[in-house]
Amino acid sequence: MPRRNSPKPEEHRPLGGGVGWARTEVGPGGEEYLVRAISGAQAQKTYRCPGCDHEIRPGVPHVVAWPAHEAGSAEERRHWHQGCWDSRGRRGPTSKRF
């Protein structure tokens, strides 16, 4: 029987100061954000994307982003469509949040 390779411990280390599976990204103005991808299976609620002001419905994969200096603050988290997050530097959000 073939042997299964165990994942390396460093592959499971959380990023962003221990806040979970978040990566750090630098915004167009130099500010740092923690960003976490949400799969369609994880998306259970409806959110409003600050990039396009449209709803993100349950089951739709998207990203959650928040300022790195607010690492534990749930009030600062925003749910974005992936495309809106990627293009925020070109068009800016509809609200003044990021």
PDB file of N, CA and C in Angstrom:
ATOM      1  N   MET A   1       0.846  -1.173   0.000  1.00  0.00           N
ATOM      2  CA  MET A   1       0.000   0.000   0.000  1.00  0.00           C
ATOM      3  C   MET A   1       0.895   1.242   0.000  1.00  0.00           C
ATOM      4  N   PRO A   2       0.562   2.267  -0.815  1.00  0.00           N
ATOM      5  CA  PRO A   2       1.371   3.476  -0.860  1.00  0.00           C
ATOM      6  C   PRO A   2       1.280   4.249   0.457  1.00  0.00           C
ATOM      7  N   ARG A   3       2.358   4.897   0.764  1.00  0.00           N
ATOM      8  CA  ARG A   3       2.427   5.703   1.968  1.00  0.00           C
ATOM      9  C   ARG A   3       1.868   7.097   1.692  1.00  0.00           C
ATOM     10  N   ARG A   4       1.123   7.632   2.628  1.00  0.00           N
ATOM     11  CA  ARG A   4       0.625   9.013   2.508  1.00  0.00           C
ATOM     12  C   ARG A   4       1.645   9.951   3.108  1.00  0.00           C
ATOM     13  N   ASN A   5       1.949  10.986   2.385  1.00  0.00           N
ATOM     14  CA  ASN A   5       2.869  11.994   2.908  1.00  0.00           C
ATOM     15  C   ASN A   5       2.124  12.912   3.862  1.00  0.00           C
ATOM     16  N   SER A   6       2.693  13.130   5.006  1.00  0.00           N
ATOM     17  CA  SER A   6       2.096  14.034   5.990  1.00  0.00           C
ATOM     18  C   SER A   6       2.390  15.473   5.600  1.00  0.00           C
ATOM     19  N   PRO A   7       1.431  16.371   5.807  1.00  0.00           N
ATOM     20  CA  PRO A   7       1.719  17.781   5.527  1.00  0.00           C
ATOM     21  C   PRO A   7       2.776  18.294   6.484  1.00  0.00           C
ATOM     22  N   LYS A   8       3.566  19.202   6.005  1.00  0.00           N
ATOM     23  CA  LYS A   8       4.612  19.796   6.835  1.00  0.00           C
ATOM     24  C   LYS A   8       3.987  20.787   7.810  1.00  0.00           C
ATOM     25  N   PRO A   9       4.480  20.832   9.047  1.00  0.00           N
ATOM     26  CA  PRO A   9       3.881  21.728  10.054  1.00  0.00           C
ATOM     27  C   PRO A   9       3.858  23.187   9.627  1.00  0.00           C
ATOM     28  N   GLU A  10       4.887  23.657   8.913  1.00  0.00           N
ATOM     29  CA  GLU A  10       4.916  25.069   8.530  1.00  0.00           C
ATOM     30  C   GLU A  10       3.831  25.434   7.520  1.00  0.00           C
ATOM     31  N   GLU A  11       3.225  24.432   6.850  1.00  0.00           N
ATOM     32  CA  GLU A  11       2.148  24.713   5.905  1.00  0.00           C
ATOM     33  C   GLU A  11       0.852  25.084   6.619  1.00  0.00           C
ATOM     34  N   HIS A  12       0.734  24.774   7.890  1.00  0.00           N
ATOM     35  CA  HIS A  12      -0.501  25.023   8.628  1.00  0.00           C
ATOM     36  C   HIS A  12      -0.380  26.187   9.602  1.00  0.00           C
ATOM     37  N   ARG A  13       0.662  26.944   9.488  1.00  0.00           N
ATOM     38  CA  ARG A  13       0.862  28.071  10.386  1.00  0.00           C
ATOM     39  C   ARG A  13      -0.033  29.230   9.956  1.00  0.00           C
ATOM     40  N   PRO A  14      -0.853  29.775  10.855  1.00  0.00           N
ATOM     41  CA  PRO A  14      -1.705  30.899  10.474  1.00  0.00           C
ATOM     42  C   PRO A  14      -0.879  32.144  10.180  1.00  0.00           C
ATOM     43  N   LEU A  15      -1.365  32.938   9.251  1.00  0.00           N
ATOM     44  CA  LEU A  15      -0.711  34.192   8.898  1.00  0.00           C
ATOM     45  C   LEU A  15      -1.437  35.353   9.562  1.00  0.00           C
ATOM     46  N   GLY A  16      -0.829  36.500   9.531  1.00  0.00           N
ATOM     47  CA  GLY A  16      -1.484  37.709  10.021  1.00  0.00           C
ATOM     48  C   GLY A  16      -1.592  37.781  11.531  1.00  0.00           C
ATOM     49  N   GLY A  17      -0.591  37.308  12.239  1.00  0.00           N
ATOM     50  CA  GLY A  17      -0.597  37.449  13.687  1.00  0.00           C
ATOM     51  C   GLY A  17      -1.513  36.484  14.396  1.00  0.00           C
ATOM     52  N   GLY A  18      -1.764  35.322  13.813  1.00  0.00           N
ATOM     53  CA  GLY A  18      -2.546  34.308  14.491  1.00  0.00           C
ATOM     54  C   GLY A  18      -4.041  34.515  14.424  1.00  0.00           C
ATOM     55  N   VAL A  19      -4.551  35.186  13.426  1.00  0.00           N
ATOM     56  CA  VAL A  19      -5.988  35.426  13.327  1.00  0.00           C
ATOM     57  C   VAL A  19      -6.679  34.393  12.448  1.00  0.00           C
ATOM     58  N   GLY A  20      -6.010  33.329  12.098  1.00  0.00           N
ATOM     59  CA  GLY A  20      -6.610  32.305  11.254  1.00  0.00           C
ATOM     60  C   GLY A  20      -5.922  32.253   9.914  1.00  0.00           C
ATOM     61  N   TRP A  21      -6.602  31.726   8.932  1.00  0.00           N
ATOM     62  CA  TRP A  21      -6.026  31.569   7.594  1.00  0.00           C
ATOM     63  C   TRP A  21      -6.171  32.852   6.801  1.00  0.00           C
ATOM     64  N   ALA A  22      -5.522  33.893   7.234  1.00  0.00           N
ATOM     65  CA  ALA A  22      -5.562  35.185   6.549  1.00  0.00           C
ATOM     66  C   ALA A  22      -4.181  35.503   6.003  1.00  0.00           C
ATOM     67  N   ARG A  23      -4.168  36.177   4.876  1.00  0.00           N
ATOM     68  CA  ARG A  23      -2.898  36.627   4.300  1.00  0.00           C
ATOM     69  C   ARG A  23      -2.858  38.150   4.407  1.00  0.00           C
ATOM     70  N   THR A  24      -1.683  38.698   4.430  1.00  0.00           N
ATOM     71  CA  THR A  24      -1.522  40.144   4.493  1.00  0.00           C
ATOM     72  C   THR A  24      -1.375  40.691   3.081  1.00  0.00           C
ATOM     73  N   GLU A  25      -2.120  41.742   2.766  1.00  0.00           N
ATOM     74  CA  GLU A  25      -2.009  42.425   1.481  1.00  0.00           C
ATOM     75  C   GLU A  25      -1.834  43.913   1.737  1.00  0.00           C
ATOM     76  N   VAL A  26      -1.102  44.557   0.871  1.00  0.00           N
ATOM     77  CA  VAL A  26      -0.899  45.998   0.965  1.00  0.00           C
ATOM     78  C   VAL A  26      -1.814  46.673  -0.047  1.00  0.00           C
ATOM     79  N   GLY A  27      -2.591  47.642   0.418  1.00  0.00           N
ATOM     80  CA  GLY A  27      -3.521  48.353  -0.434  1.00  0.00           C
ATOM     81  C   GLY A  27      -2.843  49.403  -1.287  1.00  0.00           C
ATOM     82  N   PRO A  28      -3.599  50.045  -2.188  1.00  0.00           N
ATOM     83  CA  PRO A  28      -3.036  51.051  -3.084  1.00  0.00           C
ATOM     84  C   PRO A  28      -2.385  52.222  -2.351  1.00  0.00           C
ATOM     85  N   GLY A  29      -2.867  52.544  -1.160  1.00  0.00           N
ATOM     86  CA  GLY A  29      -2.309  53.653  -0.400  1.00  0.00           C
ATOM     87  C   GLY A  29      -1.228  53.241   0.578  1.00  0.00           C
ATOM     88  N   GLY A  30      -0.814  51.972   0.544  1.00  0.00           N
ATOM     89  CA  GLY A  30       0.228  51.492   1.427  1.00  0.00           C
ATOM     90  C   GLY A  30      -0.274  50.895   2.733  1.00  0.00           C
ATOM     91  N   GLU A  31      -1.584  50.929   2.962  1.00  0.00           N
ATOM     92  CA  GLU A  31      -2.142  50.360   4.184  1.00  0.00           C
ATOM     93  C   GLU A  31      -2.176  48.829   4.080  1.00  0.00           C
ATOM     94  N   GLU A  32      -2.036  48.154   5.212  1.00  0.00           N
ATOM     95  CA  GLU A  32      -2.031  46.694   5.231  1.00  0.00           C
ATOM     96  C   GLU A  32      -3.402  46.169   5.626  1.00  0.00           C
ATOM     97  N   TYR A  33      -3.828  45.100   4.940  1.00  0.00           N
ATOM     98  CA  TYR A  33      -5.084  44.427   5.235  1.00  0.00           C
ATOM     99  C   TYR A  33      -4.832  42.951   5.429  1.00  0.00           C
ATOM    100  N   LEU A  34      -5.641  42.344   6.267  1.00  0.00           N
ATOM    101  CA  LEU A  34      -5.666  40.898   6.378  1.00  0.00           C
ATOM    102  C   LEU A  34      -6.831  40.424   5.517  1.00  0.00           C
ATOM    103  N   VAL A  35      -6.583  39.423   4.694  1.00  0.00           N
ATOM    104  CA  VAL A  35      -7.578  38.959   3.724  1.00  0.00           C
ATOM    105  C   VAL A  35      -7.715  37.455   3.861  1.00  0.00           C
ATOM    106  N   ARG A  36      -8.948  36.999   3.930  1.00  0.00           N
ATOM    107  CA  ARG A  36      -9.217  35.569   4.016  1.00  0.00           C
ATOM    108  C   ARG A  36     -10.233  35.185   2.947  1.00  0.00           C
ATOM    109  N   ALA A  37      -9.951  34.122   2.214  1.00  0.00           N
ATOM    110  CA  ALA A  37     -10.870  33.614   1.190  1.00  0.00           C
ATOM    111  C   ALA A  37     -11.961  32.786   1.861  1.00  0.00           C
ATOM    112  N   ILE A  38     -13.199  32.980   1.432  1.00  0.00           N
ATOM    113  CA  ILE A  38     -14.343  32.235   1.924  1.00  0.00           C
ATOM    114  C   ILE A  38     -14.868  31.393   0.773  1.00  0.00           C
ATOM    115  N   SER A  39     -14.939  30.090   0.971  1.00  0.00           N
ATOM    116  CA  SER A  39     -15.451  29.210  -0.092  1.00  0.00           C
ATOM    117  C   SER A  39     -16.971  29.313  -0.159  1.00  0.00           C
ATOM    118  N   GLY A  40     -17.528  28.836  -1.232  1.00  0.00           N
ATOM    119  CA  GLY A  40     -18.984  28.844  -1.369  1.00  0.00           C
ATOM    120  C   GLY A  40     -19.669  28.035  -0.277  1.00  0.00           C
ATOM    121  N   ALA A  41     -19.043  26.924   0.133  1.00  0.00           N
ATOM    122  CA  ALA A  41     -19.618  26.092   1.198  1.00  0.00           C
ATOM    123  C   ALA A  41     -19.594  26.814   2.547  1.00  0.00           C
ATOM    124  N   GLN A  42     -18.627  27.694   2.760  1.00  0.00           N
ATOM    125  CA  GLN A  42     -18.533  28.432   4.021  1.00  0.00           C
ATOM    126  C   GLN A  42     -19.452  29.643   4.052  1.00  0.00           C
ATOM    127  N   ALA A  43     -19.845  30.156   2.904  1.00  0.00           N
ATOM    128  CA  ALA A  43     -20.650  31.380   2.830  1.00  0.00           C
ATOM    129  C   ALA A  43     -22.098  31.048   3.192  1.00  0.00           C
ATOM    130  N   GLN A  44     -22.497  31.412   4.390  1.00  0.00           N
ATOM    131  CA  GLN A  44     -23.812  31.050   4.908  1.00  0.00           C
ATOM    132  C   GLN A  44     -24.795  32.221   5.002  1.00  0.00           C
ATOM    133  N   LYS A  45     -24.290  33.449   4.930  1.00  0.00           N
ATOM    134  CA  LYS A  45     -25.143  34.617   5.112  1.00  0.00           C
ATOM    135  C   LYS A  45     -25.041  35.538   3.897  1.00  0.00           C
ATOM    136  N   THR A  46     -25.960  36.485   3.820  1.00  0.00           N
ATOM    137  CA  THR A  46     -25.932  37.499   2.774  1.00  0.00           C
ATOM    138  C   THR A  46     -25.171  38.718   3.294  1.00  0.00           C
ATOM    139  N   TYR A  47     -24.248  39.208   2.479  1.00  0.00           N
ATOM    140  CA  TYR A  47     -23.473  40.405   2.805  1.00  0.00           C
ATOM    141  C   TYR A  47     -23.590  41.386   1.659  1.00  0.00           C
ATOM    142  N   ARG A  48     -23.233  42.639   1.901  1.00  0.00           N
ATOM    143  CA  ARG A  48     -23.220  43.649   0.852  1.00  0.00           C
ATOM    144  C   ARG A  48     -21.778  44.023   0.580  1.00  0.00           C
ATOM    145  N   CYS A  49     -21.360  43.863  -0.680  1.00  0.00           N
ATOM    146  CA  CYS A  49     -19.995  44.162  -1.087  1.00  0.00           C
ATOM    147  C   CYS A  49     -19.790  45.675  -1.113  1.00  0.00           C
ATOM    148  N   PRO A  50     -18.772  46.198  -0.415  1.00  0.00           N
ATOM    149  CA  PRO A  50     -18.525  47.636  -0.457  1.00  0.00           C
ATOM    150  C   PRO A  50     -17.929  48.106  -1.781  1.00  0.00           C
ATOM    151  N   GLY A  51     -17.487  47.186  -2.618  1.00  0.00           N
ATOM    152  CA  GLY A  51     -16.906  47.563  -3.904  1.00  0.00           C
ATOM    153  C   GLY A  51     -17.942  47.880  -4.967  1.00  0.00           C
ATOM    154  N   CYS A  52     -19.039  47.104  -4.981  1.00  0.00           N
ATOM    155  CA  CYS A  52     -20.057  47.305  -6.024  1.00  0.00           C
ATOM    156  C   CYS A  52     -21.436  47.582  -5.448  1.00  0.00           C
ATOM    157  N   ASP A  53     -21.584  47.476  -4.128  1.00  0.00           N
ATOM    158  CA  ASP A  53     -22.841  47.690  -3.431  1.00  0.00           C
ATOM    159  C   ASP A  53     -23.901  46.649  -3.802  1.00  0.00           C
ATOM    160  N   HIS A  54     -23.483  45.493  -4.307  1.00  0.00           N
ATOM    161  CA  HIS A  54     -24.409  44.391  -4.593  1.00  0.00           C
ATOM    162  C   HIS A  54     -24.295  43.350  -3.494  1.00  0.00           C
ATOM    163  N   GLU A  55     -25.314  42.505  -3.391  1.00  0.00           N
ATOM    164  CA  GLU A  55     -25.303  41.461  -2.379  1.00  0.00           C
ATOM    165  C   GLU A  55     -24.352  40.329  -2.743  1.00  0.00           C
ATOM    166  N   ILE A  56     -23.759  39.756  -1.709  1.00  0.00           N
ATOM    167  CA  ILE A  56     -23.029  38.500  -1.833  1.00  0.00           C
ATOM    168  C   ILE A  56     -23.939  37.480  -1.166  1.00  0.00           C
ATOM    169  N   ARG A  57     -24.532  36.626  -1.945  1.00  0.00           N
ATOM    170  CA  ARG A  57     -25.520  35.667  -1.447  1.00  0.00           C
ATOM    171  C   ARG A  57     -24.855  34.432  -0.843  1.00  0.00           C
ATOM    172  N   PRO A  58     -25.586  33.703  -0.001  1.00  0.00           N
ATOM    173  CA  PRO A  58     -25.047  32.451   0.534  1.00  0.00           C
ATOM    174  C   PRO A  58     -24.644  31.509  -0.599  1.00  0.00           C
ATOM    175  N   GLY A  59     -23.521  30.843  -0.420  1.00  0.00           N
ATOM    176  CA  GLY A  59     -23.019  29.920  -1.424  1.00  0.00           C
ATOM    177  C   GLY A  59     -22.078  30.535  -2.437  1.00  0.00           C
ATOM    178  N   VAL A  60     -21.888  31.852  -2.387  1.00  0.00           N
ATOM    179  CA  VAL A  60     -21.005  32.537  -3.334  1.00  0.00           C
ATOM    180  C   VAL A  60     -19.624  32.725  -2.690  1.00  0.00           C
ATOM    181  N   PRO A  61     -18.565  32.185  -3.314  1.00  0.00           N
ATOM    182  CA  PRO A  61     -17.227  32.413  -2.756  1.00  0.00           C
ATOM    183  C   PRO A  61     -16.857  33.894  -2.828  1.00  0.00           C
ATOM    184  N   HIS A  62     -16.135  34.363  -1.812  1.00  0.00           N
ATOM    185  CA  HIS A  62     -15.746  35.773  -1.748  1.00  0.00           C
ATOM    186  C   HIS A  62     -14.570  35.912  -0.793  1.00  0.00           C
ATOM    187  N   VAL A  63     -14.177  37.134  -0.479  1.00  0.00           N
ATOM    188  CA  VAL A  63     -13.094  37.374   0.473  1.00  0.00           C
ATOM    189  C   VAL A  63     -13.599  38.262   1.604  1.00  0.00           C
ATOM    190  N   VAL A  64     -12.973  38.100   2.756  1.00  0.00           N
ATOM    191  CA  VAL A  64     -13.214  38.973   3.899  1.00  0.00           C
ATOM    192  C   VAL A  64     -11.914  39.721   4.139  1.00  0.00           C
ATOM    193  N   ALA A  65     -11.999  41.027   4.285  1.00  0.00           N
ATOM    194  CA  ALA A  65     -10.805  41.846   4.491  1.00  0.00           C
ATOM    195  C   ALA A  65     -11.048  42.812   5.639  1.00  0.00           C
ATOM    196  N   TRP A  66      -9.977  43.090   6.376  1.00  0.00           N
ATOM    197  CA  TRP A  66     -10.040  44.051   7.458  1.00  0.00           C
ATOM    198  C   TRP A  66      -8.665  44.652   7.659  1.00  0.00           C
ATOM    199  N   PRO A  67      -8.584  45.878   8.190  1.00  0.00           N
ATOM    200  CA  PRO A  67      -7.284  46.519   8.408  1.00  0.00           C
ATOM    201  C   PRO A  67      -6.419  45.674   9.349  1.00  0.00           C
ATOM    202  N   ALA A  68      -5.143  45.563   9.039  1.00  0.00           N
ATOM    203  CA  ALA A  68      -4.230  44.739   9.835  1.00  0.00           C
ATOM    204  C   ALA A  68      -4.106  45.256  11.262  1.00  0.00           C
ATOM    205  N   HIS A  69      -4.222  46.553  11.461  1.00  0.00           N
ATOM    206  CA  HIS A  69      -4.116  47.102  12.814  1.00  0.00           C
ATOM    207  C   HIS A  69      -5.342  46.783  13.664  1.00  0.00           C
ATOM    208  N   GLU A  70      -6.424  46.311  13.047  1.00  0.00           N
ATOM    209  CA  GLU A  70      -7.661  45.923  13.740  1.00  0.00           C
ATOM    210  C   GLU A  70      -7.808  44.408  13.696  1.00  0.00           C
ATOM    211  N   ALA A  71      -6.737  43.674  13.952  1.00  0.00           N
ATOM    212  CA  ALA A  71      -6.697  42.223  13.745  1.00  0.00           C
ATOM    213  C   ALA A  71      -7.838  41.474  14.423  1.00  0.00           C
ATOM    214  N   GLY A  72      -8.290  41.889  15.561  1.00  0.00           N
ATOM    215  CA  GLY A  72      -9.332  41.147  16.242  1.00  0.00           C
ATOM    216  C   GLY A  72     -10.704  41.771  16.148  1.00  0.00           C
ATOM    217  N   SER A  73     -10.850  42.839  15.399  1.00  0.00           N
ATOM    218  CA  SER A  73     -12.088  43.607  15.371  1.00  0.00           C
ATOM    219  C   SER A  73     -13.066  43.098  14.313  1.00  0.00           C
ATOM    220  N   ALA A  74     -14.152  42.489  14.754  1.00  0.00           N
ATOM    221  CA  ALA A  74     -15.180  41.994  13.824  1.00  0.00           C
ATOM    222  C   ALA A  74     -15.922  43.153  13.157  1.00  0.00           C
ATOM    223  N   GLU A  75     -15.967  44.307  13.805  1.00  0.00           N
ATOM    224  CA  GLU A  75     -16.687  45.459  13.239  1.00  0.00           C
ATOM    225  C   GLU A  75     -16.017  46.001  11.979  1.00  0.00           C
ATOM    226  N   GLU A  76     -14.723  45.780  11.840  1.00  0.00           N
ATOM    227  CA  GLU A  76     -13.984  46.307  10.696  1.00  0.00           C
ATOM    228  C   GLU A  76     -13.929  45.348   9.511  1.00  0.00           C
ATOM    229  N   ARG A  77     -14.407  44.134   9.672  1.00  0.00           N
ATOM    230  CA  ARG A  77     -14.368  43.157   8.574  1.00  0.00           C
ATOM    231  C   ARG A  77     -15.396  43.498   7.516  1.00  0.00           C
ATOM    232  N   ARG A  78     -14.987  43.379   6.265  1.00  0.00           N
ATOM    233  CA  ARG A  78     -15.882  43.617   5.127  1.00  0.00           C
ATOM    234  C   ARG A  78     -15.792  42.437   4.177  1.00  0.00           C
ATOM    235  N   HIS A  79     -16.943  42.032   3.669  1.00  0.00           N
ATOM    236  CA  HIS A  79     -17.029  40.926   2.715  1.00  0.00           C
ATOM    237  C   HIS A  79     -17.092  41.512   1.311  1.00  0.00           C
ATOM    238  N   TRP A  80     -16.178  41.073   0.447  1.00  0.00           N
ATOM    239  CA  TRP A  80     -16.040  41.599  -0.905  1.00  0.00           C
ATOM    240  C   TRP A  80     -16.148  40.478  -1.926  1.00  0.00           C
ATOM    241  N   HIS A  81     -16.713  40.759  -3.092  1.00  0.00           N
ATOM    242  CA  HIS A  81     -16.542  39.857  -4.229  1.00  0.00           C
ATOM    243  C   HIS A  81     -15.042  39.840  -4.549  1.00  0.00           C
ATOM    244  N   GLN A  82     -14.532  38.714  -4.989  1.00  0.00           N
ATOM    245  CA  GLN A  82     -13.097  38.630  -5.286  1.00  0.00           C
ATOM    246  C   GLN A  82     -12.704  39.663  -6.344  1.00  0.00           C
ATOM    247  N   GLY A  83     -13.491  39.806  -7.392  1.00  0.00           N
ATOM    248  CA  GLY A  83     -13.185  40.775  -8.444  1.00  0.00           C
ATOM    249  C   GLY A  83     -13.213  42.213  -7.951  1.00  0.00           C
ATOM    250  N   CYS A  84     -14.141  42.523  -7.070  1.00  0.00           N
ATOM    251  CA  CYS A  84     -14.224  43.878  -6.513  1.00  0.00           C
ATOM    252  C   CYS A  84     -13.016  44.166  -5.634  1.00  0.00           C
ATOM    253  N   TRP A  85     -12.598  43.178  -4.842  1.00  0.00           N
ATOM    254  CA  TRP A  85     -11.413  43.360  -3.995  1.00  0.00           C
ATOM    255  C   TRP A  85     -10.181  43.574  -4.860  1.00  0.00           C
ATOM    256  N   ASP A  86     -10.039  42.783  -5.916  1.00  0.00           N
ATOM    257  CA  ASP A  86      -8.868  42.889  -6.781  1.00  0.00           C
ATOM    258  C   ASP A  86      -8.812  44.218  -7.524  1.00  0.00           C
ATOM    259  N   SER A  87      -9.959  44.814  -7.833  1.00  0.00           N
ATOM    260  CA  SER A  87      -9.978  46.049  -8.612  1.00  0.00           C
ATOM    261  C   SER A  87     -10.243  47.289  -7.769  1.00  0.00           C
ATOM    262  N   ARG A  88     -10.196  47.181  -6.456  1.00  0.00           N
ATOM    263  CA  ARG A  88     -10.539  48.328  -5.605  1.00  0.00           C
ATOM    264  C   ARG A  88      -9.617  49.522  -5.804  1.00  0.00           C
ATOM    265  N   GLY A  89      -8.378  49.302  -6.208  1.00  0.00           N
ATOM    266  CA  GLY A  89      -7.458  50.407  -6.440  1.00  0.00           C
ATOM    267  C   GLY A  89      -7.770  51.182  -7.703  1.00  0.00           C
ATOM    268  N   ARG A  90      -8.467  50.550  -8.632  1.00  0.00           N
ATOM    269  CA  ARG A  90      -8.810  51.212  -9.894  1.00  0.00           C
ATOM    270  C   ARG A  90     -10.120  51.979  -9.819  1.00  0.00           C
ATOM    271  N   ARG A  91     -11.056  51.487  -9.000  1.00  0.00           N
ATOM    272  CA  ARG A  91     -12.336  52.173  -8.991  1.00  0.00           C
ATOM    273  C   ARG A  91     -12.780  52.635  -7.616  1.00  0.00           C
ATOM    274  N   GLY A  92     -12.218  52.076  -6.552  1.00  0.00           N
ATOM    275  CA  GLY A  92     -12.564  52.493  -5.189  1.00  0.00           C
ATOM    276  C   GLY A  92     -13.892  51.926  -4.740  1.00  0.00           C
ATOM    277  N   PRO A  93     -14.086  51.859  -3.438  1.00  0.00           N
ATOM    278  CA  PRO A  93     -15.343  51.319  -2.908  1.00  0.00           C
ATOM    279  C   PRO A  93     -16.480  52.329  -3.031  1.00  0.00           C
ATOM    280  N   THR A  94     -17.712  51.828  -2.965  1.00  0.00           N
ATOM    281  CA  THR A  94     -18.866  52.707  -3.011  1.00  0.00           C
ATOM    282  C   THR A  94     -19.051  53.411  -1.681  1.00  0.00           C
ATOM    283  N   SER A  95     -18.613  52.775  -0.594  1.00  0.00           N
ATOM    284  CA  SER A  95     -18.631  53.428   0.717  1.00  0.00           C
ATOM    285  C   SER A  95     -17.205  53.879   1.041  1.00  0.00           C
ATOM    286  N   LYS A  96     -17.059  54.610   2.082  1.00  0.00           N
ATOM    287  CA  LYS A  96     -15.751  55.146   2.443  1.00  0.00           C
ATOM    288  C   LYS A  96     -15.006  54.243   3.415  1.00  0.00           C
ATOM    289  N   ARG A  97     -15.259  52.945   3.384  1.00  0.00           N
ATOM    290  CA  ARG A  97     -14.679  52.024   4.355  1.00  0.00           C
ATOM    291  C   ARG A  97     -13.225  51.685   4.040  1.00  0.00           C
ATOM    292  N   PHE A  98     -12.869  51.337   2.817  1.00  0.00           N
ATOM    293  CA  PHE A  98     -11.494  50.963   2.471  1.00  0.00           C
ATOM    294  C   PHE A  98     -11.110  51.772   1.264  1.00  0.00           C
TER     295      PHE A  98
END
